PDB file of N, CA and C in Angstrom:
ATOM      1  N   MET A   1      17.789  12.535 -25.810  1.00  0.00           N
ATOM      2  CA  MET A   1      17.230  12.804 -24.506  1.00  0.00           C
ATOM      3  C   MET A   1      17.515  14.256 -24.140  1.00  0.00           C
ATOM      4  N   SER A   2      16.539  14.911 -23.519  1.00  0.00           N
ATOM      5  CA  SER A   2      16.671  16.310 -23.099  1.00  0.00           C
ATOM      6  C   SER A   2      16.911  16.379 -21.602  1.00  0.00           C
ATOM      7  N   ARG A   3      17.472  17.497 -21.170  1.00  0.00           N
ATOM      8  CA  ARG A   3      17.640  17.750 -19.743  1.00  0.00           C
ATOM      9  C   ARG A   3      16.733  18.919 -19.360  1.00  0.00           C
ATOM     10  N   VAL A   4      16.161  18.831 -18.174  1.00  0.00           N
ATOM     11  CA  VAL A   4      15.345  19.921 -17.650  1.00  0.00           C
ATOM     12  C   VAL A   4      15.782  20.188 -16.215  1.00  0.00           C
ATOM     13  N   ARG A   5      15.528  21.396 -15.749  1.00  0.00           N
ATOM     14  CA  ARG A   5      15.880  21.774 -14.381  1.00  0.00           C
ATOM     15  C   ARG A   5      14.619  21.730 -13.522  1.00  0.00           C
ATOM     16  N   VAL A   6      14.748  21.179 -12.322  1.00  0.00           N
ATOM     17  CA  VAL A   6      13.637  21.152 -11.377  1.00  0.00           C
ATOM     18  C   VAL A   6      13.574  22.515 -10.697  1.00  0.00           C
ATOM     19  N   LYS A   7      12.387  23.126 -10.729  1.00  0.00           N
ATOM     20  CA  LYS A   7      12.207  24.452 -10.142  1.00  0.00           C
ATOM     21  C   LYS A   7      11.772  24.347  -8.687  1.00  0.00           C
ATOM     22  N   HIS A   8      11.570  25.500  -8.081  1.00  0.00           N
ATOM     23  CA  HIS A   8      11.282  25.647  -6.655  1.00  0.00           C
ATOM     24  C   HIS A   8      10.219  24.682  -6.133  1.00  0.00           C
ATOM     25  N   LYS A   9       9.105  24.555  -6.803  1.00  0.00           N
ATOM     26  CA  LYS A   9       8.007  23.716  -6.325  1.00  0.00           C
ATOM     27  C   LYS A   9       8.000  22.335  -6.977  1.00  0.00           C
ATOM     28  N   GLY A  10       9.157  21.902  -7.485  1.00  0.00           N
ATOM     29  CA  GLY A  10       9.240  20.591  -8.117  1.00  0.00           C
ATOM     30  C   GLY A  10       8.768  20.602  -9.554  1.00  0.00           C
ATOM     31  N   GLN A  11       8.577  21.785 -10.132  1.00  0.00           N
ATOM     32  CA  GLN A  11       8.082  21.883 -11.495  1.00  0.00           C
ATOM     33  C   GLN A  11       9.211  21.705 -12.507  1.00  0.00           C
ATOM     34  N   VAL A  12       8.873  21.055 -13.615  1.00  0.00           N
ATOM     35  CA  VAL A  12       9.785  20.930 -14.748  1.00  0.00           C
ATOM     36  C   VAL A  12       9.012  21.288 -16.008  1.00  0.00           C
ATOM     37  N   THR A  13       9.719  21.678 -17.042  1.00  0.00           N
ATOM     38  CA  THR A  13       9.099  21.966 -18.330  1.00  0.00           C
ATOM     39  C   THR A  13       9.365  20.803 -19.262  1.00  0.00           C
ATOM     40  N   ILE A  14       8.300  20.248 -19.820  1.00  0.00           N
ATOM     41  CA  ILE A  14       8.450  19.183 -20.807  1.00  0.00           C
ATOM     42  C   ILE A  14       8.838  19.852 -22.121  1.00  0.00           C
ATOM     43  N   PRO A  15       9.924  19.433 -22.756  1.00  0.00           N
ATOM     44  CA  PRO A  15      10.366  20.082 -24.001  1.00  0.00           C
ATOM     45  C   PRO A  15       9.244  20.122 -25.051  1.00  0.00           C
ATOM     46  N   ALA A  16       9.195  21.237 -25.787  1.00  0.00           N
ATOM     47  CA  ALA A  16       8.132  21.474 -26.773  1.00  0.00           C
ATOM     48  C   ALA A  16       8.026  20.361 -27.811  1.00  0.00           C
ATOM     49  N   GLU A  17       9.166  19.880 -28.294  1.00  0.00           N
ATOM     50  CA  GLU A  17       9.107  18.842 -29.332  1.00  0.00           C
ATOM     51  C   GLU A  17       8.501  17.540 -28.788  1.00  0.00           C
ATOM     52  N   LEU A  18       8.745  17.244 -27.515  1.00  0.00           N
ATOM     53  CA  LEU A  18       8.163  16.051 -26.900  1.00  0.00           C
ATOM     54  C   LEU A  18       6.660  16.242 -26.667  1.00  0.00           C
ATOM     55  N   ARG A  19       6.274  17.444 -26.209  1.00  0.00           N
ATOM     56  CA  ARG A  19       4.839  17.731 -26.036  1.00  0.00           C
ATOM     57  C   ARG A  19       4.106  17.616 -27.360  1.00  0.00           C
ATOM     58  N   ALA A  20       4.698  18.147 -28.418  1.00  0.00           N
ATOM     59  CA  ALA A  20       4.059  18.093 -29.739  1.00  0.00           C
ATOM     60  C   ALA A  20       3.932  16.649 -30.228  1.00  0.00           C
ATOM     61  N   ARG A  21       4.987  15.892 -30.069  1.00  0.00           N
ATOM     62  CA  ARG A  21       4.985  14.506 -30.541  1.00  0.00           C
ATOM     63  C   ARG A  21       3.940  13.663 -29.799  1.00  0.00           C
ATOM     64  N   LEU A  22       3.734  13.960 -28.496  1.00  0.00           N
ATOM     65  CA  LEU A  22       2.786  13.190 -27.691  1.00  0.00           C
ATOM     66  C   LEU A  22       1.405  13.825 -27.623  1.00  0.00           C
ATOM     67  N   GLY A  23       1.243  14.993 -28.253  1.00  0.00           N
ATOM     68  CA  GLY A  23      -0.063  15.647 -28.259  1.00  0.00           C
ATOM     69  C   GLY A  23      -0.465  16.207 -26.904  1.00  0.00           C
ATOM     70  N   ILE A  24       0.518  16.661 -26.118  1.00  0.00           N
ATOM     71  CA  ILE A  24       0.242  17.229 -24.803  1.00  0.00           C
ATOM     72  C   ILE A  24       0.110  18.735 -24.952  1.00  0.00           C
ATOM     73  N   SER A  25      -1.019  19.278 -24.468  1.00  0.00           N
ATOM     74  CA  SER A  25      -1.289  20.713 -24.572  1.00  0.00           C
ATOM     75  C   SER A  25      -1.484  21.309 -23.189  1.00  0.00           C
ATOM     76  N   GLU A  26      -1.410  22.648 -23.124  1.00  0.00           N
ATOM     77  CA  GLU A  26      -1.656  23.340 -21.864  1.00  0.00           C
ATOM     78  C   GLU A  26      -3.024  22.948 -21.317  1.00  0.00           C
ATOM     79  N   GLY A  27      -3.078  22.645 -20.041  1.00  0.00           N
ATOM     80  CA  GLY A  27      -4.330  22.265 -19.409  1.00  0.00           C
ATOM     81  C   GLY A  27      -4.581  20.770 -19.374  1.00  0.00           C
ATOM     82  N   ASP A  28      -3.821  19.999 -20.154  1.00  0.00           N
ATOM     83  CA  ASP A  28      -3.981  18.542 -20.116  1.00  0.00           C
ATOM     84  C   ASP A  28      -3.579  18.014 -18.744  1.00  0.00           C
ATOM     85  N   ILE A  29      -4.143  16.897 -18.371  1.00  0.00           N
ATOM     86  CA  ILE A  29      -3.827  16.270 -17.096  1.00  0.00           C
ATOM     87  C   ILE A  29      -2.959  15.043 -17.358  1.00  0.00           C
ATOM     88  N   LEU A  30      -1.893  14.914 -16.570  1.00  0.00           N
ATOM     89  CA  LEU A  30      -0.986  13.781 -16.694  1.00  0.00           C
ATOM     90  C   LEU A  30      -1.021  12.963 -15.415  1.00  0.00           C
ATOM     91  N   ASP A  31      -1.014  11.651 -15.545  1.00  0.00           N
ATOM     92  CA  ASP A  31      -0.831  10.769 -14.399  1.00  0.00           C
ATOM     93  C   ASP A  31       0.665  10.662 -14.163  1.00  0.00           C
ATOM     94  N   VAL A  32       1.076  10.735 -12.896  1.00  0.00           N
ATOM     95  CA  VAL A  32       2.494  10.693 -12.532  1.00  0.00           C
ATOM     96  C   VAL A  32       2.747   9.440 -11.702  1.00  0.00           C
ATOM     97  N   GLY A  33       3.814   8.741 -12.057  1.00  0.00           N
ATOM     98  CA  GLY A  33       4.156   7.545 -11.312  1.00  0.00           C
ATOM     99  C   GLY A  33       5.648   7.291 -11.342  1.00  0.00           C
ATOM    100  N   GLU A  34       6.029   6.178 -10.777  1.00  0.00           N
ATOM    101  CA  GLU A  34       7.438   5.788 -10.734  1.00  0.00           C
ATOM    102  C   GLU A  34       7.538   4.360 -11.241  1.00  0.00           C
ATOM    103  N   ARG A  35       8.513   4.140 -12.097  1.00  0.00           N
ATOM    104  CA  ARG A  35       8.732   2.803 -12.650  1.00  0.00           C
ATOM    105  C   ARG A  35      10.230   2.568 -12.758  1.00  0.00           C
ATOM    106  N   GLU A  36      10.694   1.546 -12.080  1.00  0.00           N
ATOM    107  CA  GLU A  36      12.112   1.166 -12.123  1.00  0.00           C
ATOM    108  C   GLU A  36      13.036   2.357 -11.855  1.00  0.00           C
ATOM    109  N   GLY A  37      12.681   3.166 -10.851  1.00  0.00           N
ATOM    110  CA  GLY A  37      13.516   4.299 -10.473  1.00  0.00           C
ATOM    111  C   GLY A  37      13.388   5.518 -11.360  1.00  0.00           C
ATOM    112  N   ALA A  38      12.449   5.518 -12.308  1.00  0.00           N
ATOM    113  CA  ALA A  38      12.259   6.657 -13.201  1.00  0.00           C
ATOM    114  C   ALA A  38      10.881   7.281 -12.967  1.00  0.00           C
ATOM    115  N   ILE A  39      10.782   8.576 -13.150  1.00  0.00           N
ATOM    116  CA  ILE A  39       9.497   9.266 -13.070  1.00  0.00           C
ATOM    117  C   ILE A  39       8.801   9.093 -14.410  1.00  0.00           C
ATOM    118  N   VAL A  40       7.539   8.685 -14.375  1.00  0.00           N
ATOM    119  CA  VAL A  40       6.776   8.424 -15.592  1.00  0.00           C
ATOM    120  C   VAL A  40       5.568   9.362 -15.625  1.00  0.00           C
ATOM    121  N   LEU A  41       5.392  10.076 -16.735  1.00  0.00           N
ATOM    122  CA  LEU A  41       4.232  10.937 -16.956  1.00  0.00           C
ATOM    123  C   LEU A  41       3.410  10.336 -18.081  1.00  0.00           C
ATOM    124  N   ILE A  42       2.130  10.094 -17.832  1.00  0.00           N
ATOM    125  CA  ILE A  42       1.262   9.492 -18.841  1.00  0.00           C
ATOM    126  C   ILE A  42       0.042  10.381 -19.025  1.00  0.00           C
ATOM    127  N   PRO A  43      -0.244  10.811 -20.276  1.00  0.00           N
ATOM    128  CA  PRO A  43      -1.449  11.616 -20.490  1.00  0.00           C
ATOM    129  C   PRO A  43      -2.686  10.864 -19.993  1.00  0.00           C
ATOM    130  N   ALA A  44      -3.470  11.531 -19.144  1.00  0.00           N
ATOM    131  CA  ALA A  44      -4.674  10.923 -18.586  1.00  0.00           C
ATOM    132  C   ALA A  44      -5.843  11.143 -19.538  1.00  0.00           C
ATOM    133  N   PRO A  45      -6.746  10.178 -19.616  1.00  0.00           N
ATOM    134  CA  PRO A  45      -7.925  10.383 -20.449  1.00  0.00           C
ATOM    135  C   PRO A  45      -8.772  11.503 -19.860  1.00  0.00           C
ATOM    136  N   PRO A  46      -9.477  12.264 -20.694  1.00  0.00           N
ATOM    137  CA  PRO A  46     -10.298  13.366 -20.176  1.00  0.00           C
ATOM    138  C   PRO A  46     -11.429  12.840 -19.297  1.00  0.00           C
ATOM    139  N   LEU A  47     -11.751  13.616 -18.265  1.00  0.00           N
ATOM    140  CA  LEU A  47     -12.878  13.255 -17.414  1.00  0.00           C
ATOM    141  C   LEU A  47     -14.177  13.526 -18.161  1.00  0.00           C
ATOM    142  N   GLU A  48     -15.124  12.683 -17.973  1.00  0.00           N
ATOM    143  CA  GLU A  48     -16.449  12.868 -18.554  1.00  0.00           C
ATOM    144  C   GLU A  48     -17.371  13.393 -17.470  1.00  0.00           C
ATOM    145  N   GLY A  49     -18.386  14.125 -17.871  1.00  0.00           N
ATOM    146  CA  GLY A  49     -19.375  14.588 -16.917  1.00  0.00           C
ATOM    147  C   GLY A  49     -19.959  13.418 -16.168  1.00  0.00           C
ATOM    148  N   GLY A  50     -20.099  13.558 -14.861  1.00  0.00           N
ATOM    149  CA  GLY A  50     -20.680  12.499 -14.068  1.00  0.00           C
ATOM    150  C   GLY A  50     -19.657  11.626 -13.369  1.00  0.00           C
ATOM    151  N   GLU A  51     -18.381  11.676 -13.778  1.00  0.00           N
ATOM    152  CA  GLU A  51     -17.381  10.847 -13.113  1.00  0.00           C
ATOM    153  C   GLU A  51     -17.072  11.364 -11.717  1.00  0.00           C
ATOM    154  N   VAL A  52     -16.988  12.690 -11.564  1.00  0.00           N
ATOM    155  CA  VAL A  52     -16.668  13.281 -10.275  1.00  0.00           C
ATOM    156  C   VAL A  52     -17.899  13.966  -9.700  1.00  0.00           C
ATOM    157  N   VAL A  53     -18.634  14.645 -10.554  1.00  0.00           N
ATOM    158  CA  VAL A  53     -19.870  15.324 -10.162  1.00  0.00           C
ATOM    159  C   VAL A  53     -20.965  14.858 -11.114  1.00  0.00           C
ATOM    160  N   GLY A  54     -22.180  15.186 -10.806  1.00  0.00           N
ATOM    161  CA  GLY A  54     -23.281  14.817 -11.689  1.00  0.00           C
ATOM    162  C   GLY A  54     -23.196  15.538 -13.021  1.00  0.00           C
ATOM    163  N   LYS A  55     -23.852  15.012 -14.024  1.00  0.00           N
ATOM    164  CA  LYS A  55     -23.815  15.593 -15.369  1.00  0.00           C
ATOM    165  C   LYS A  55     -24.372  17.009 -15.392  1.00  0.00           C
ATOM    166  N   GLU A  56     -25.424  17.288 -14.618  1.00  0.00           N
ATOM    167  CA  GLU A  56     -25.992  18.640 -14.595  1.00  0.00           C
ATOM    168  C   GLU A  56     -25.011  19.630 -13.992  1.00  0.00           C
ATOM    169  N   THR A  57     -24.360  19.250 -12.888  1.00  0.00           N
ATOM    170  CA  THR A  57     -23.365  20.123 -12.263  1.00  0.00           C
ATOM    171  C   THR A  57     -22.190  20.337 -13.204  1.00  0.00           C
ATOM    172  N   HIS A  58     -21.764  19.287 -13.880  1.00  0.00           N
ATOM    173  CA  HIS A  58     -20.660  19.379 -14.834  1.00  0.00           C
ATOM    174  C   HIS A  58     -21.003  20.387 -15.930  1.00  0.00           C
ATOM    175  N   LYS A  59     -22.194  20.295 -16.499  1.00  0.00           N
ATOM    176  CA  LYS A  59     -22.607  21.211 -17.564  1.00  0.00           C
ATOM    177  C   LYS A  59     -22.670  22.645 -17.039  1.00  0.00           C
ATOM    178  N   LYS A  60     -23.205  22.829 -15.840  1.00  0.00           N
ATOM    179  CA  LYS A  60     -23.300  24.168 -15.248  1.00  0.00           C
ATOM    180  C   LYS A  60     -21.907  24.778 -15.078  1.00  0.00           C
ATOM    181  N   VAL A  61     -20.955  24.005 -14.569  1.00  0.00           N
ATOM    182  CA  VAL A  61     -19.592  24.506 -14.370  1.00  0.00           C
ATOM    183  C   VAL A  61     -18.952  24.864 -15.706  1.00  0.00           C
ATOM    184  N   ILE A  62     -19.107  24.028 -16.717  1.00  0.00           N
ATOM    185  CA  ILE A  62     -18.537  24.302 -18.042  1.00  0.00           C
ATOM    186  C   ILE A  62     -19.153  25.568 -18.625  1.00  0.00           C
ATOM    187  N   ASP A  63     -20.474  25.733 -18.496  1.00  0.00           N
ATOM    188  CA  ASP A  63     -21.141  26.942 -18.993  1.00  0.00           C
ATOM    189  C   ASP A  63     -20.613  28.191 -18.293  1.00  0.00           C
ATOM    190  N   GLU A  64     -20.427  28.116 -16.975  1.00  0.00           N
ATOM    191  CA  GLU A  64     -19.899  29.260 -16.228  1.00  0.00           C
ATOM    192  C   GLU A  64     -18.470  29.587 -16.658  1.00  0.00           C
ATOM    193  N   LEU A  65     -17.646  28.562 -16.881  1.00  0.00           N
ATOM    194  CA  LEU A  65     -16.280  28.798 -17.357  1.00  0.00           C
ATOM    195  C   LEU A  65     -16.279  29.453 -18.734  1.00  0.00           C
ATOM    196  N   ASP A  66     -17.151  28.993 -19.625  1.00  0.00           N
ATOM    197  CA  ASP A  66     -17.245  29.591 -20.955  1.00  0.00           C
ATOM    198  C   ASP A  66     -17.636  31.060 -20.869  1.00  0.00           C
ATOM    199  N   GLN A  67     -18.564  31.385 -19.977  1.00  0.00           N
ATOM    200  CA  GLN A  67     -18.973  32.784 -19.798  1.00  0.00           C
ATOM    201  C   GLN A  67     -17.804  33.626 -19.295  1.00  0.00           C
ATOM    202  N   LEU A  68     -17.065  33.110 -18.325  1.00  0.00           N
ATOM    203  CA  LEU A  68     -15.890  33.827 -17.816  1.00  0.00           C
ATOM    204  C   LEU A  68     -14.850  34.032 -18.905  1.00  0.00           C
ATOM    205  N   ARG A  69     -14.608  33.019 -19.722  1.00  0.00           N
ATOM    206  CA  ARG A  69     -13.627  33.142 -20.811  1.00  0.00           C
ATOM    207  C   ARG A  69     -14.046  34.231 -21.784  1.00  0.00           C
ATOM    208  N   ARG A  70     -15.335  34.281 -22.118  1.00  0.00           N
ATOM    209  CA  ARG A  70     -15.811  35.312 -23.049  1.00  0.00           C
ATOM    210  C   ARG A  70     -15.632  36.710 -22.460  1.00  0.00           C
ATOM    211  N   ARG A  71     -15.866  36.856 -21.152  1.00  0.00           N
ATOM    212  CA  ARG A  71     -15.708  38.167 -20.513  1.00  0.00           C
ATOM    213  C   ARG A  71     -14.260  38.615 -20.500  1.00  0.00           C
ATOM    214  N   TRP A  72     -13.319  37.679 -20.380  1.00  0.00           N
ATOM    215  CA  TRP A  72     -11.904  38.035 -20.255  1.00  0.00           C
ATOM    216  C   TRP A  72     -11.212  38.179 -21.608  1.00  0.00           C
ATOM    217  N   ARG A  73     -11.903  37.928 -22.688  1.00  0.00           N
ATOM    218  CA  ARG A  73     -11.273  38.062 -24.015  1.00  0.00           C
ATOM    219  C   ARG A  73     -11.284  39.481 -24.471  1.00  0.00           C
TER     220      ARG A  73
END
Protein backbone atom coordinates (compact mmCIF):
# COMPACT_ATOMS: atom_id res chain seq x y z
CA MET A 1 0.00 0.00 0.00
CA SER A 2 1.23 3.51 -0.85
CA ARG A 3 0.74 6.76 1.02
CA VAL A 4 -0.15 10.04 -0.67
CA ARG A 5 -0.53 13.57 0.67
CA VAL A 6 -3.75 15.52 0.19
CA LYS A 7 -2.99 18.88 -1.42
CA HIS A 8 -4.64 22.28 -1.06
CA LYS A 9 -7.72 21.56 -3.21
CA GLY A 10 -8.15 17.96 -2.05
CA GLN A 11 -5.94 16.63 -4.84
CA VAL A 12 -3.88 13.47 -4.50
CA THR A 13 -1.49 11.76 -6.90
CA ILE A 14 -2.23 8.15 -7.75
CA PRO A 15 1.12 6.30 -7.71
CA ALA A 16 2.51 5.60 -11.20
CA GLU A 17 2.72 1.84 -10.72
CA LEU A 18 -0.97 1.71 -9.73
CA ARG A 19 -1.99 3.90 -12.69
CA ALA A 20 -0.03 1.65 -15.04
CA ARG A 21 -1.48 -1.54 -13.59
CA LEU A 22 -5.05 -0.19 -13.91
CA GLY A 23 -4.51 1.48 -17.28
CA ILE A 24 -5.29 4.98 -15.98
CA SER A 25 -3.88 7.77 -18.17
CA GLU A 26 -3.88 11.56 -18.05
CA GLY A 27 -7.30 12.87 -19.01
CA ASP A 28 -9.17 9.72 -17.99
CA ILE A 29 -12.31 10.23 -15.94
CA LEU A 30 -12.78 8.42 -12.63
CA ASP A 31 -15.99 7.90 -10.69
CA VAL A 32 -15.47 8.75 -7.01
CA GLY A 33 -17.41 7.20 -4.19
CA GLU A 34 -17.28 5.97 -0.63
CA ARG A 35 -17.52 2.37 0.49
CA GLU A 36 -17.23 1.18 4.08
CA GLY A 37 -15.42 4.36 5.13
CA ALA A 38 -12.93 4.25 2.23
CA ILE A 39 -12.65 6.51 -0.81
CA VAL A 40 -13.11 4.49 -4.00
CA LEU A 41 -11.93 5.60 -7.46
CA ILE A 42 -13.27 3.63 -10.43
CA PRO A 43 -12.27 4.29 -14.05
CA ALA A 44 -15.40 5.54 -15.83
CA PRO A 45 -16.30 4.25 -19.27
CA PRO A 46 -15.66 6.83 -22.02
CA LEU A 47 -18.58 9.01 -23.04
CA GLU A 48 -19.94 8.38 -26.49
CA GLY A 49 -21.18 11.09 -28.79
CA GLY A 50 -24.82 11.79 -28.13
CA GLU A 51 -24.83 10.90 -24.42
CA VAL A 52 -24.49 14.51 -23.27
CA VAL A 53 -24.79 16.42 -26.54
CA GLY A 54 -25.93 15.41 -29.99
CA LYS A 55 -23.59 13.43 -32.23
CA GLU A 56 -23.10 16.38 -34.62
CA THR A 57 -22.16 18.73 -31.78
CA HIS A 58 -19.85 16.07 -30.34
CA LYS A 59 -18.05 15.67 -33.68
CA LYS A 60 -17.76 19.46 -34.11
CA VAL A 61 -16.21 19.86 -30.63
CA ILE A 62 -13.74 17.00 -31.23
CA ASP A 63 -12.74 18.50 -34.61
CA GLU A 64 -12.18 21.92 -33.00
CA LEU A 65 -10.06 20.36 -30.24
CA ASP A 66 -7.96 18.50 -32.82
CA GLN A 67 -7.37 21.76 -34.70
CA LEU A 68 -6.29 23.51 -31.49
CA ARG A 69 -3.92 20.64 -30.62
CA ARG A 70 -2.30 20.86 -34.06
CA ARG A 71 -1.81 24.63 -33.68
CA TRP A 72 -0.17 24.25 -30.26
CA ARG A 73 2.30 21.55 -31.32
